[in-house]
Amino acid sequence: MATSMARTLRLLCILLLSLFTLGGCQTTSTGEGVGTGLGALIGAGLGSQVGSGSGRTAAMLVGAGLGAWLGREIGIRMTRGDQRAMSTALDRTPDGASESWHNPQTGTEFTMTPRNTFERGDQQCREFEMEVLVDGEPRSTTGTACRRPEDQAWTTV
């Protein structure tokens, strides 16, 4: 159970990373605030799935605390340069190929691999895998990003 919860938290961590990167956070401090809030909500939601009665309440509080901490850490580590690198990888990397970059400010290493390009309505979309090395700990997830028709910027869906 603990291994599955740890895996879920790692996957949520990377998913949040993707959301912040492609969601257009303007500054690190905004990313930090958004990450903290979203992490707390997701952590509380996960905690609500554990136990019953007062045990469930405790699990929600612990989940919210852990989620807020993880979300804050992700938000702090994302920079505009990382957002640009992720968008560039989606723009120019063929399906199945990988693009990697290192952020010297945060020490975080990223590898993005687009897996499938397709159309959804009037939007170009790409499924991707992302691996992130944060403080020596590897984390990975999958996701989908689509171009917004109004400005052609990538956003996760």
Protein backbone atom coordinates (compact mmCIF):
# COMPACT_ATOMS: atom_id res chain seq x y z
CA MET A 1 0.00 0.00 0.00
CA ALA A 2 2.80 2.44 0.90
CA THR A 3 4.60 1.70 -2.38
CA SER A 4 1.44 2.33 -4.38
CA MET A 5 0.82 5.62 -2.50
CA ALA A 6 4.42 6.71 -3.07
CA ARG A 7 4.10 5.87 -6.77
CA THR A 8 0.83 7.84 -6.96
CA LEU A 9 2.43 10.84 -5.25
CA ARG A 10 5.40 10.73 -7.66
CA LEU A 11 3.09 10.56 -10.66
CA LEU A 12 1.03 13.46 -9.34
CA CYS A 13 4.24 15.38 -8.79
CA ILE A 14 5.24 15.01 -12.44
CA LEU A 15 1.71 15.67 -13.65
CA LEU A 16 1.69 18.91 -11.71
CA LEU A 17 5.08 19.70 -13.18
CA SER A 18 3.63 19.28 -16.64
CA LEU A 19 0.60 21.38 -15.82
CA PHE A 20 2.71 24.22 -14.47
CA THR A 21 5.11 24.12 -17.37
CA LEU A 22 2.51 24.14 -20.10
CA GLY A 23 -0.01 26.19 -18.17
CA GLY A 24 1.97 29.37 -18.67
CA CYS A 25 3.08 30.26 -15.17
CA GLN A 26 4.62 33.70 -15.42
CA THR A 27 7.00 33.63 -12.48
CA THR A 28 8.47 31.14 -10.08
CA SER A 29 6.61 32.72 -7.15
CA THR A 30 3.28 32.26 -8.98
CA GLY A 31 4.21 28.66 -9.73
CA GLU A 32 5.06 28.17 -6.09
CA GLY A 33 1.68 29.47 -4.94
CA VAL A 34 -0.31 27.55 -7.51
CA GLY A 35 1.72 24.41 -6.84
CA THR A 36 1.13 24.64 -3.12
CA GLY A 37 -2.62 25.11 -3.53
CA LEU A 38 -3.13 22.40 -6.12
CA GLY A 39 -0.86 20.01 -4.27
CA ALA A 40 -2.87 20.50 -1.07
CA LEU A 41 -6.16 19.86 -2.86
CA ILE A 42 -4.90 16.75 -4.61
CA GLY A 43 -3.25 15.45 -1.44
CA ALA A 44 -6.44 15.95 0.55
CA GLY A 45 -8.40 14.16 -2.18
CA LEU A 46 -6.04 11.21 -2.06
CA GLY A 47 -6.13 11.21 1.73
CA SER A 48 -9.92 11.07 1.68
CA GLN A 49 -9.67 7.65 0.02
CA VAL A 50 -7.92 6.18 3.07
CA GLY A 51 -9.61 4.98 6.25
CA SER A 52 -12.91 6.10 7.72
CA GLY A 53 -14.14 8.48 10.41
CA SER A 54 -11.39 10.33 12.26
CA GLY A 55 -8.77 8.21 10.47
CA ARG A 56 -10.01 9.58 7.15
CA THR A 57 -9.81 13.15 8.48
CA ALA A 58 -6.24 12.56 9.63
CA ALA A 59 -5.35 11.03 6.26
CA MET A 60 -6.83 14.07 4.49
CA LEU A 61 -4.79 16.44 6.64
CA VAL A 62 -1.58 14.49 6.10
CA GLY A 63 -2.35 14.22 2.37
CA ALA A 64 -2.99 17.96 2.14
CA GLY A 65 0.28 18.73 3.94
CA LEU A 66 2.34 16.38 1.79
CA GLY A 67 0.58 17.54 -1.38
CA ALA A 68 1.19 21.19 -0.55
CA TRP A 69 4.87 20.51 0.08
CA LEU A 70 5.32 18.50 -3.14
CA GLY A 71 3.37 21.05 -5.19
CA ARG A 72 5.46 23.89 -3.79
CA GLU A 73 8.68 22.05 -4.62
CA ILE A 74 7.57 21.53 -8.20
CA GLY A 75 6.42 25.12 -8.59
CA ILE A 76 9.74 26.44 -7.28
CA ARG A 77 11.73 24.30 -9.71
CA MET A 78 9.93 25.40 -12.88
CA THR A 79 11.31 28.40 -14.70
CA ARG A 80 10.34 30.20 -17.88
CA GLY A 81 13.33 28.53 -19.50
CA ASP A 82 11.89 25.10 -18.62
CA GLN A 83 8.53 26.15 -20.08
CA ARG A 84 10.21 27.25 -23.31
CA ALA A 85 12.26 24.04 -23.50
CA MET A 86 9.15 21.91 -23.05
CA SER A 87 7.28 23.86 -25.74
CA THR A 88 10.28 23.58 -28.06
CA ALA A 89 10.39 19.81 -27.52
CA LEU A 90 6.71 19.58 -28.43
CA ASP A 91 7.25 21.81 -31.48
CA ARG A 92 10.22 20.06 -33.05
CA THR A 93 10.80 16.58 -31.64
CA PRO A 94 9.46 13.71 -33.78
CA ASP A 95 7.26 11.06 -32.18
CA GLY A 96 9.45 8.52 -30.38
CA ALA A 97 12.50 10.81 -30.17
CA SER A 98 13.58 12.48 -26.92
CA GLU A 99 14.76 15.95 -26.07
CA SER A 100 16.60 16.61 -22.82
CA TRP A 101 17.64 19.74 -20.98
CA HIS A 102 19.25 20.66 -17.69
CA ASN A 103 18.26 23.66 -15.59
CA PRO A 104 21.44 24.97 -13.97
CA GLN A 105 19.40 27.23 -11.64
CA THR A 106 17.55 24.35 -10.00
CA GLY A 107 19.77 21.40 -10.91
CA THR A 108 16.74 19.63 -12.36
CA GLU A 109 17.15 17.46 -15.47
CA PHE A 110 14.27 16.90 -17.90
CA THR A 111 13.68 14.45 -20.76
CA MET A 112 10.54 14.74 -22.88
CA THR A 113 9.49 12.16 -25.47
CA PRO A 114 6.47 12.92 -27.65
CA ARG A 115 4.73 9.59 -28.40
CA ASN A 116 1.75 10.35 -30.65
CA THR A 117 0.69 13.42 -32.63
CA PHE A 118 -3.00 13.75 -33.52
CA GLU A 119 -5.78 16.26 -34.20
CA ARG A 120 -8.55 16.98 -31.71
CA GLY A 121 -11.04 19.25 -33.41
CA ASP A 122 -9.02 22.22 -34.64
CA GLN A 123 -6.12 21.58 -32.26
CA GLN A 124 -2.84 19.76 -32.82
CA CYS A 125 -2.22 17.49 -29.82
CA ARG A 126 0.67 15.33 -28.66
CA GLU A 127 0.85 12.56 -26.11
CA PHE A 128 4.17 12.61 -24.27
CA GLU A 129 6.28 10.97 -21.60
CA MET A 130 8.32 13.13 -19.26
CA GLU A 131 11.14 12.07 -17.00
CA VAL A 132 12.50 14.46 -14.41
CA LEU A 133 15.50 14.00 -12.15
CA VAL A 134 14.88 16.09 -9.01
CA ASP A 135 17.58 16.03 -6.34
CA GLY A 136 18.84 12.74 -7.77
CA GLU A 137 15.40 11.08 -7.62
CA PRO A 138 13.87 10.07 -10.98
CA ARG A 139 10.20 10.76 -11.57
CA SER A 140 8.16 10.12 -14.71
CA THR A 141 4.66 10.49 -16.10
CA THR A 142 2.68 10.65 -19.29
CA GLY A 143 0.36 13.36 -20.51
CA THR A 144 -1.27 15.07 -23.46
CA ALA A 145 -0.72 18.64 -24.61
CA CYS A 146 -2.66 20.54 -27.27
CA ARG A 147 -2.03 23.85 -29.02
CA ARG A 148 -4.49 26.59 -28.14
CA PRO A 149 -6.01 27.90 -31.39
CA GLU A 150 -5.88 31.54 -30.27
CA ASP A 151 -2.11 31.78 -29.63
CA GLN A 152 -0.66 28.38 -30.65
CA ALA A 153 0.75 27.89 -27.13
CA TRP A 154 0.84 24.34 -25.75
CA THR A 155 -1.37 23.46 -22.78
CA THR A 156 -1.99 20.14 -21.03
CA VAL A 157 -5.40 18.57 -21.39
